[in-house]
Amino acid sequence: MRSRRERATPDAAVLAGRVQRLAVLLRAGLAPAAAWRHLAETEQDAPELLRIAERIEAGEPAAEAIEAEGGAVGPWRSVAAAWSIAARAGSPLAATLATLAGTLRVLAQQEREGRIALAGPNATARLVAVLPLVALGFGAALGVDALGLLFGTGWGRACLAIGIGLMLLARLWSRRMVARAARGPVSPGLRLDLLGIALAGGGALDAARGWVEEACERHAVDDPGAAERATTVLALAERAGVPATALLAAEAEELRRTAAAERQERLARLGVTLLIPLGVCILPAFLLLGVVPLVAGVVGGTIAGLA
């Protein structure tokens, strides 16, 4: 069950707007604590913003204040990591937050597209799960006491137990298939963006990579495979004698596009693979809970009438 702090964490789209407004305030010359306080005063439904401002005014590092009040999960981790790296590297905070806001917008759009793609498979899973109940209702409409047969006879109780077990198995199976199809890196390309922020301050490459590693570990940034891509990009920049920041930004965007395409492909296949629990579990449960009692009731009634 999610904690109250996690439920209060904004999604990437909401946070992207707040980060963009912070960037504008900082670019206008406001101090970080003042920028947070002005933002909090305009968003009364986000009390964590005011608490962040109060912590910064009390002398606490901004990254620690952001993670302490914003929550240890979700897009707040990205803000905390980027802020900590910018502070250490001496990178402009306004430019850092503007870059991060763009990244969060892309991630939010991909998240929305994923929810839309999952709507169909989720509806299919819920629909097929009620088929056995529809069969019971159909039998009752025909005047057959299917429930009485299921609960009042030995073979009926066996059908009931097996049918319910198959329905529970189908539900668990379908939910795991949906979760597996929706799974993927939470923040693809973010590590490359963070490295670009660190290098924008003019620091040495080894120091910048160390700051990024420390920030990603401390703030639990999930971006598997990005470290190897960063090594490749940095080697290319060194050979070509060009700044690495633009190459890192392009590579981060490519990682996000790749992650989104792979997720869409998995979700497209999900509509077909969800038919497996339908055939293996739901249809047998439909027969056991609906068809068998219905047929038994009709046959029993016919025999009784003939007798």
Protein backbone atom coordinates (compact mmCIF):
# COMPACT_ATOMS: atom_id res chain seq x y z
CA MET A 1 0.00 0.00 0.00
CA ARG A 2 1.34 3.41 -0.91
CA SER A 3 2.23 5.82 1.84
CA ARG A 4 0.70 9.26 2.25
CA ARG A 5 3.98 10.85 1.10
CA GLU A 6 4.00 8.80 -2.11
CA ARG A 7 0.37 9.63 -2.88
CA ALA A 8 1.20 13.33 -2.52
CA THR A 9 4.04 13.16 -5.03
CA PRO A 10 3.09 14.94 -8.27
CA ASP A 11 3.41 13.24 -11.60
CA ALA A 12 6.00 14.27 -14.15
CA ALA A 13 3.66 16.64 -16.01
CA VAL A 14 2.74 18.65 -12.90
CA LEU A 15 6.32 18.76 -11.69
CA ALA A 16 7.60 19.82 -15.12
CA GLY A 17 5.47 22.96 -14.92
CA ARG A 18 6.72 23.78 -11.44
CA VAL A 19 10.34 23.24 -12.42
CA GLN A 20 9.90 25.47 -15.46
CA ARG A 21 8.45 28.24 -13.30
CA LEU A 22 11.36 27.87 -10.88
CA ALA A 23 13.78 28.26 -13.79
CA VAL A 24 12.08 31.48 -14.86
CA LEU A 25 12.18 32.89 -11.33
CA LEU A 26 15.86 32.02 -10.90
CA ARG A 27 16.71 33.50 -14.29
CA ALA A 28 15.02 36.70 -13.16
CA GLY A 29 17.52 36.94 -10.31
CA LEU A 30 15.62 35.51 -7.31
CA ALA A 31 17.47 33.46 -4.70
CA PRO A 32 16.50 29.76 -4.55
CA ALA A 33 14.63 30.04 -1.24
CA ALA A 34 12.68 33.08 -2.48
CA ALA A 35 11.85 31.32 -5.77
CA TRP A 36 10.51 28.29 -3.89
CA ARG A 37 8.48 30.49 -1.55
CA HIS A 38 6.91 32.50 -4.40
CA LEU A 39 6.05 29.25 -6.18
CA ALA A 40 4.51 27.81 -3.00
CA GLU A 41 2.35 30.91 -2.48
CA THR A 42 0.80 30.47 -5.93
CA GLU A 43 0.12 26.73 -5.51
CA GLN A 44 -1.86 26.27 -2.32
CA ASP A 45 -2.52 22.59 -3.07
CA ALA A 46 1.21 21.76 -2.78
CA PRO A 47 2.25 22.39 0.84
CA GLU A 48 5.53 20.56 0.27
CA LEU A 49 6.75 23.54 -1.78
CA LEU A 50 6.48 25.83 1.24
CA ARG A 51 8.24 23.30 3.44
CA ILE A 52 11.08 23.09 0.92
CA ALA A 53 11.42 26.88 0.97
CA GLU A 54 11.49 26.91 4.77
CA ARG A 55 14.18 24.22 4.88
CA ILE A 56 16.36 26.11 2.39
CA GLU A 57 15.90 29.35 4.35
CA ALA A 58 17.02 27.47 7.47
CA GLY A 59 20.30 26.61 5.73
CA GLU A 60 19.59 23.05 4.58
CA PRO A 61 21.00 22.12 1.14
CA ALA A 62 18.30 22.43 -1.49
CA ALA A 63 18.71 18.88 -2.82
CA GLU A 64 18.21 17.40 0.64
CA ALA A 65 15.20 19.63 1.27
CA ILE A 66 13.64 18.64 -2.05
CA GLU A 67 13.99 14.92 -1.40
CA ALA A 68 12.93 15.19 2.26
CA GLU A 69 9.69 17.03 1.46
CA GLY A 70 9.01 15.95 -2.11
CA GLY A 71 9.35 12.24 -1.42
CA ALA A 72 11.94 9.62 -2.17
CA VAL A 73 10.10 8.31 -5.22
CA GLY A 74 8.94 9.61 -8.57
CA PRO A 75 10.14 12.65 -10.49
CA TRP A 76 11.14 14.49 -7.30
CA ARG A 77 14.28 12.36 -7.30
CA SER A 78 15.26 13.81 -10.67
CA VAL A 79 14.89 17.36 -9.36
CA ALA A 80 16.96 16.59 -6.25
CA ALA A 81 19.72 14.90 -8.28
CA ALA A 82 19.92 17.68 -10.87
CA TRP A 83 19.96 20.40 -8.21
CA SER A 84 22.74 18.69 -6.24
CA ILE A 85 24.92 18.26 -9.34
CA ALA A 86 24.37 21.85 -10.47
CA ALA A 87 25.34 23.12 -7.02
CA ARG A 88 28.55 21.07 -6.98
CA ALA A 89 29.53 21.77 -10.57
CA GLY A 90 28.67 25.46 -10.49
CA SER A 91 26.26 25.08 -13.40
CA PRO A 92 23.57 27.75 -13.84
CA LEU A 93 20.53 26.61 -11.87
CA ALA A 94 18.06 28.27 -14.24
CA ALA A 95 19.48 26.48 -17.29
CA THR A 96 19.65 23.23 -15.34
CA LEU A 97 16.00 23.40 -14.33
CA ALA A 98 14.91 24.38 -17.84
CA THR A 99 16.67 21.30 -19.22
CA LEU A 100 15.13 19.10 -16.54
CA ALA A 101 11.66 20.50 -17.20
CA GLY A 102 11.95 19.48 -20.85
CA THR A 103 13.02 15.98 -19.83
CA LEU A 104 10.11 15.65 -17.41
CA ARG A 105 7.66 16.76 -20.09
CA VAL A 106 8.87 14.04 -22.45
CA LEU A 107 8.63 11.42 -19.69
CA ALA A 108 5.13 12.63 -18.78
CA GLN A 109 3.99 12.36 -22.39
CA GLN A 110 5.36 8.82 -22.63
CA GLU A 111 3.60 7.94 -19.38
CA ARG A 112 0.28 9.24 -20.72
CA GLU A 113 0.72 7.30 -23.97
CA GLY A 114 1.45 4.17 -21.96
CA ARG A 115 -1.74 4.58 -19.91
CA ILE A 116 -3.75 5.05 -23.08
CA ALA A 117 -2.22 1.94 -24.64
CA LEU A 118 -2.98 -0.08 -21.50
CA ALA A 119 -6.62 0.98 -21.39
CA GLY A 120 -7.69 -1.58 -24.00
CA PRO A 121 -5.87 -4.61 -22.53
CA ASN A 122 -7.03 -3.72 -19.02
CA ALA A 123 -10.63 -3.46 -20.19
CA THR A 124 -10.31 -6.83 -21.94
CA ALA A 125 -8.94 -8.47 -18.80
CA ARG A 126 -11.80 -7.10 -16.68
CA LEU A 127 -14.41 -8.09 -19.25
CA VAL A 128 -13.39 -11.73 -19.60
CA ALA A 129 -13.14 -12.07 -15.80
CA VAL A 130 -16.91 -11.59 -15.44
CA LEU A 131 -17.93 -14.17 -18.05
CA PRO A 132 -18.59 -16.92 -15.47
CA LEU A 133 -20.83 -14.54 -13.51
CA VAL A 134 -22.73 -13.75 -16.70
CA ALA A 135 -23.32 -17.46 -17.18
CA LEU A 136 -24.76 -17.74 -13.66
CA GLY A 137 -27.08 -14.82 -14.34
CA PHE A 138 -28.17 -16.37 -17.63
CA GLY A 139 -29.01 -19.63 -15.86
CA ALA A 140 -31.07 -17.77 -13.23
CA ALA A 141 -32.97 -15.98 -16.01
CA LEU A 142 -33.90 -19.39 -17.45
CA GLY A 143 -35.21 -20.51 -14.09
CA VAL A 144 -32.32 -22.87 -13.31
CA ASP A 145 -31.07 -22.81 -9.72
CA ALA A 146 -27.42 -22.93 -10.71
CA LEU A 147 -26.26 -21.56 -7.37
CA GLY A 148 -28.26 -24.19 -5.53
CA LEU A 149 -26.59 -26.91 -7.58
CA LEU A 150 -23.14 -25.41 -7.07
CA PHE A 151 -23.51 -25.10 -3.30
CA GLY A 152 -25.83 -28.02 -2.59
CA THR A 153 -24.16 -30.93 -4.36
CA GLY A 154 -20.73 -32.51 -4.08
CA TRP A 155 -19.94 -32.19 -7.77
CA GLY A 156 -21.26 -28.61 -7.70
CA ARG A 157 -18.94 -27.61 -4.86
CA ALA A 158 -16.03 -29.17 -6.77
CA CYS A 159 -16.94 -27.15 -9.87
CA LEU A 160 -17.28 -24.04 -7.73
CA ALA A 161 -13.88 -24.47 -6.10
CA ILE A 162 -12.09 -25.23 -9.37
CA GLY A 163 -13.89 -22.43 -11.23
CA ILE A 164 -13.10 -19.80 -8.60
CA GLY A 165 -9.49 -20.99 -8.51
CA LEU A 166 -9.22 -20.64 -12.29
CA MET A 167 -10.72 -17.13 -12.15
CA LEU A 168 -8.24 -16.05 -9.47
CA LEU A 169 -5.39 -17.58 -11.47
CA ALA A 170 -6.52 -15.74 -14.62
CA ARG A 171 -6.71 -12.45 -12.75
CA LEU A 172 -3.24 -12.86 -11.27
CA TRP A 173 -1.84 -14.02 -14.61
CA SER A 174 -3.38 -11.08 -16.50
CA ARG A 175 -2.18 -8.52 -13.96
CA ARG A 176 1.36 -9.85 -14.16
CA MET A 177 1.29 -9.74 -17.95
CA VAL A 178 0.08 -6.13 -17.89
CA ALA A 179 2.71 -5.14 -15.31
CA ARG A 180 5.49 -6.83 -17.32
CA ALA A 181 4.42 -5.07 -20.53
CA ALA A 182 4.35 -1.66 -18.80
CA ARG A 183 7.70 -2.17 -17.10
CA GLY A 184 10.69 -0.15 -18.20
CA PRO A 185 13.23 2.41 -17.01
CA VAL A 186 11.59 5.15 -14.95
CA SER A 187 13.88 7.94 -16.20
CA PRO A 188 15.55 6.87 -19.46
CA GLY A 189 18.35 9.21 -20.49
CA LEU A 190 18.30 11.15 -17.23
CA ARG A 191 21.83 10.10 -16.29
CA LEU A 192 23.12 11.58 -19.55
CA ASP A 193 21.25 14.82 -18.86
CA LEU A 194 22.81 14.94 -15.40
CA LEU A 195 26.27 14.42 -16.87
CA GLY A 196 25.66 17.27 -19.31
CA ILE A 197 24.64 19.48 -16.38
CA ALA A 198 27.84 18.57 -14.53
CA LEU A 199 30.01 19.35 -17.55
CA ALA A 200 28.20 22.64 -18.18
CA GLY A 201 29.86 24.02 -15.06
CA GLY A 202 33.27 23.63 -16.66
CA GLY A 203 34.45 20.89 -14.32
CA ALA A 204 36.79 18.03 -15.20
CA LEU A 205 35.27 14.96 -16.78
CA ASP A 206 36.31 12.53 -14.04
CA ALA A 207 34.91 14.80 -11.35
CA ALA A 208 31.66 15.26 -13.30
CA ARG A 209 31.20 11.51 -13.69
CA GLY A 210 31.84 11.02 -9.99
CA TRP A 211 29.21 13.62 -9.08
CA VAL A 212 26.67 11.95 -11.35
CA GLU A 213 27.36 8.49 -9.95
CA GLU A 214 27.02 9.79 -6.40
CA ALA A 215 23.82 11.69 -7.14
CA CYS A 216 22.21 8.77 -8.98
CA GLU A 217 23.01 6.41 -6.13
CA ARG A 218 21.92 8.81 -3.42
CA HIS A 219 18.65 9.78 -5.07
CA ALA A 220 17.95 6.32 -6.56
CA VAL A 221 17.80 7.44 -10.19
CA ASP A 222 16.72 4.48 -12.34
CA ASP A 223 18.46 4.63 -15.72
CA PRO A 224 19.97 1.23 -16.62
CA GLY A 225 22.37 1.11 -19.55
CA ALA A 226 22.93 4.87 -19.62
CA ALA A 227 26.42 4.66 -18.09
CA GLU A 228 27.70 2.60 -21.05
CA ARG A 229 26.09 4.99 -23.53
CA ALA A 230 27.71 7.91 -21.74
CA THR A 231 31.14 6.30 -22.12
CA THR A 232 30.57 5.88 -25.86
CA VAL A 233 29.38 9.47 -26.30
CA LEU A 234 32.27 10.91 -24.32
CA ALA A 235 34.77 8.90 -26.37
CA LEU A 236 33.20 10.22 -29.58
CA ALA A 237 33.32 13.80 -28.32
CA GLU A 238 36.99 13.42 -27.39
CA ARG A 239 37.95 11.98 -30.77
CA ALA A 240 36.00 14.62 -32.67
CA GLY A 241 37.18 17.45 -30.44
CA VAL A 242 33.66 18.78 -29.87
CA PRO A 243 31.79 19.68 -26.65
CA ALA A 244 30.14 16.65 -25.11
CA THR A 245 27.05 18.41 -23.78
CA ALA A 246 25.19 18.51 -27.10
CA LEU A 247 26.05 14.88 -27.85
CA LEU A 248 24.88 13.84 -24.38
CA ALA A 249 21.57 15.67 -24.83
CA ALA A 250 20.99 14.01 -28.22
CA GLU A 251 21.85 10.58 -26.84
CA ALA A 252 19.50 11.09 -23.88
CA GLU A 253 16.68 11.95 -26.27
CA GLU A 254 17.46 8.83 -28.30
CA LEU A 255 17.31 6.68 -25.16
CA ARG A 256 13.90 8.09 -24.33
CA ARG A 257 12.60 7.45 -27.84
CA THR A 258 13.94 3.90 -27.77
CA ALA A 259 12.40 3.18 -24.37
CA ALA A 260 9.04 4.56 -25.53
CA ALA A 261 9.10 2.49 -28.74
CA GLU A 262 9.96 -0.71 -26.86
CA ARG A 263 7.17 -0.09 -24.38
CA GLN A 264 4.64 0.55 -27.14
CA GLU A 265 5.70 -2.69 -28.82
CA ARG A 266 5.22 -4.67 -25.62
CA LEU A 267 1.80 -3.11 -25.07
CA ALA A 268 0.76 -3.90 -28.65
CA ARG A 269 1.65 -7.57 -28.12
CA LEU A 270 -0.24 -7.58 -24.84
CA GLY A 271 -3.60 -7.41 -26.59
CA VAL A 272 -2.86 -10.81 -28.15
CA THR A 273 -1.10 -12.50 -25.25
CA LEU A 274 -4.01 -11.69 -22.90
CA LEU A 275 -5.98 -14.30 -24.85
CA ILE A 276 -3.83 -17.00 -23.22
CA PRO A 277 -5.38 -16.74 -19.72
CA LEU A 278 -8.76 -16.41 -21.46
CA GLY A 279 -8.39 -19.80 -23.13
CA VAL A 280 -6.57 -21.56 -20.32
CA CYS A 281 -8.50 -20.27 -17.30
CA ILE A 282 -11.58 -18.15 -18.03
CA LEU A 283 -13.28 -20.42 -20.56
CA PRO A 284 -12.92 -23.55 -18.37
CA ALA A 285 -14.20 -21.52 -15.40
CA PHE A 286 -17.12 -20.38 -17.56
CA LEU A 287 -17.96 -24.01 -18.33
CA LEU A 288 -17.65 -25.13 -14.70
CA LEU A 289 -19.56 -22.26 -13.10
CA GLY A 290 -22.12 -21.57 -15.79
CA VAL A 291 -22.59 -24.22 -18.44
CA VAL A 292 -22.28 -27.36 -16.29
CA PRO A 293 -24.84 -26.25 -13.63
CA LEU A 294 -27.13 -24.97 -16.39
CA VAL A 295 -27.06 -28.23 -18.31
CA ALA A 296 -27.39 -30.26 -15.11
CA GLY A 297 -30.37 -28.18 -14.03
CA VAL A 298 -32.11 -28.50 -17.41
CA VAL A 299 -31.47 -32.25 -17.63
CA GLY A 300 -32.55 -32.77 -14.03
CA GLY A 301 -35.72 -30.77 -14.55
CA THR A 302 -36.53 -32.71 -17.72
CA ILE A 303 -36.05 -36.07 -16.03
CA ALA A 304 -38.15 -34.99 -13.07
CA GLY A 305 -40.90 -33.86 -15.40
CA LEU A 306 -40.91 -37.16 -17.27
CA ALA A 307 -41.01 -39.11 -14.02
